Amino acid sequence: MSKIAVFFKESYDELTHKVSWPKYSELQNSAILVLVASLVFALMIGVIDYVFDNLMGFIYEEL
């Protein structure tokens, strides 16, 4: 049981003293970057899906 207590004590110590947490403004910038990148990728995948859908429809209508 003492190994578990040591684990939690060391984990708490690491999280409070050794980890460098980002400032709130850095966190906001990162969140905005992730949101914008996600929207760009979603739009790219949507366009690719639209093009392939029309291409496959054109190919199969001709057969």
C-alpha atoms as a PDB file:
ATOM      1  CA  MET A   1       0.000   0.000   0.000  1.00  0.00           C
ATOM      2  CA  SER A   2       2.901   2.365   0.588  1.00  0.00           C
ATOM      3  CA  LYS A   3       3.936   2.113  -3.094  1.00  0.00           C
ATOM      4  CA  ILE A   4       0.573   3.541  -4.111  1.00  0.00           C
ATOM      5  CA  ALA A   5       0.897   6.393  -1.608  1.00  0.00           C
ATOM      6  CA  VAL A   6       4.422   7.166  -2.858  1.00  0.00           C
ATOM      7  CA  PHE A   7       3.161   7.113  -6.447  1.00  0.00           C
ATOM      8  CA  PHE A   8       0.409   9.649  -5.708  1.00  0.00           C
ATOM      9  CA  LYS A   9       2.748  11.857  -3.656  1.00  0.00           C
ATOM     10  CA  GLU A  10       5.352  11.918  -6.443  1.00  0.00           C
ATOM     11  CA  SER A  11       2.673  12.492  -9.091  1.00  0.00           C
ATOM     12  CA  TYR A  12       1.275  15.445  -7.166  1.00  0.00           C
ATOM     13  CA  ASP A  13       4.768  16.866  -6.644  1.00  0.00           C
ATOM     14  CA  GLU A  14       5.541  16.568 -10.348  1.00  0.00           C
ATOM     15  CA  LEU A  15       2.264  18.181 -11.429  1.00  0.00           C
ATOM     16  CA  THR A  16       2.595  21.101  -9.022  1.00  0.00           C
ATOM     17  CA  HIS A  17       6.335  21.831  -9.117  1.00  0.00           C
ATOM     18  CA  LYS A  18       7.937  20.322 -12.219  1.00  0.00           C
ATOM     19  CA  VAL A  19       5.364  20.763 -14.992  1.00  0.00           C
ATOM     20  CA  SER A  20       5.371  24.129 -16.741  1.00  0.00           C
ATOM     21  CA  TRP A  21       1.732  24.947 -17.349  1.00  0.00           C
ATOM     22  CA  PRO A  22       0.908  27.385 -20.169  1.00  0.00           C
ATOM     23  CA  LYS A  23      -0.401  30.855 -19.441  1.00  0.00           C
ATOM     24  CA  TYR A  24      -4.064  31.508 -20.183  1.00  0.00           C
ATOM     25  CA  SER A  25      -3.266  33.605 -23.270  1.00  0.00           C
ATOM     26  CA  GLU A  26      -1.042  30.826 -24.664  1.00  0.00           C
ATOM     27  CA  LEU A  27      -3.832  28.348 -24.038  1.00  0.00           C
ATOM     28  CA  GLN A  28      -6.325  30.561 -25.893  1.00  0.00           C
ATOM     29  CA  ASN A  29      -3.975  30.923 -28.863  1.00  0.00           C
ATOM     30  CA  SER A  30      -3.440  27.177 -29.030  1.00  0.00           C
ATOM     31  CA  ALA A  31      -7.169  26.501 -28.836  1.00  0.00           C
ATOM     32  CA  ILE A  32      -7.872  28.968 -31.655  1.00  0.00           C
ATOM     33  CA  LEU A  33      -5.132  27.407 -33.770  1.00  0.00           C
ATOM     34  CA  VAL A  34      -6.594  23.921 -33.257  1.00  0.00           C
ATOM     35  CA  LEU A  35     -10.092  25.190 -34.092  1.00  0.00           C
ATOM     36  CA  VAL A  36      -8.964  26.901 -37.298  1.00  0.00           C
ATOM     37  CA  ALA A  37      -6.864  23.900 -38.386  1.00  0.00           C
ATOM     38  CA  SER A  38      -9.807  21.564 -37.730  1.00  0.00           C
ATOM     39  CA  LEU A  39     -12.125  23.722 -39.817  1.00  0.00           C
ATOM     40  CA  VAL A  40      -9.609  23.895 -42.682  1.00  0.00           C
ATOM     41  CA  PHE A  41      -9.153  20.115 -42.692  1.00  0.00           C
ATOM     42  CA  ALA A  42     -12.915  19.571 -42.516  1.00  0.00           C
ATOM     43  CA  LEU A  43     -13.439  21.877 -45.490  1.00  0.00           C
ATOM     44  CA  MET A  44     -10.680  20.155 -47.470  1.00  0.00           C
ATOM     45  CA  ILE A  45     -12.152  16.724 -46.792  1.00  0.00           C
ATOM     46  CA  GLY A  46     -15.629  18.028 -47.694  1.00  0.00           C
ATOM     47  CA  VAL A  47     -14.383  19.379 -51.021  1.00  0.00           C
ATOM     48  CA  ILE A  48     -12.538  16.140 -51.806  1.00  0.00           C
ATOM     49  CA  ASP A  49     -15.651  14.127 -50.924  1.00  0.00           C
ATOM     50  CA  TYR A  50     -17.813  16.350 -53.137  1.00  0.00           C
ATOM     51  CA  VAL A  51     -15.422  16.024 -56.087  1.00  0.00           C
ATOM     52  CA  PHE A  52     -15.144  12.235 -55.749  1.00  0.00           C
ATOM     53  CA  ASP A  53     -18.918  11.887 -55.380  1.00  0.00           C
ATOM     54  CA  ASN A  54     -19.526  13.827 -58.586  1.00  0.00           C
ATOM     55  CA  LEU A  55     -16.703  12.017 -60.385  1.00  0.00           C
ATOM     56  CA  MET A  56     -18.031   8.583 -59.419  1.00  0.00           C
ATOM     57  CA  GLY A  57     -21.564   9.630 -60.350  1.00  0.00           C
ATOM     58  CA  PHE A  58     -20.331  10.775 -63.750  1.00  0.00           C
ATOM     59  CA  ILE A  59     -18.348   7.556 -64.309  1.00  0.00           C
ATOM     60  CA  TYR A  60     -21.178   5.234 -63.299  1.00  0.00           C
ATOM     61  CA  GLU A  61     -23.815   7.130 -65.291  1.00  0.00           C
ATOM     62  CA  GLU A  62     -21.723   6.652 -68.429  1.00  0.00           C
ATOM     63  CA  LEU A  63     -21.513   2.872 -67.950  1.00  0.00           C
END
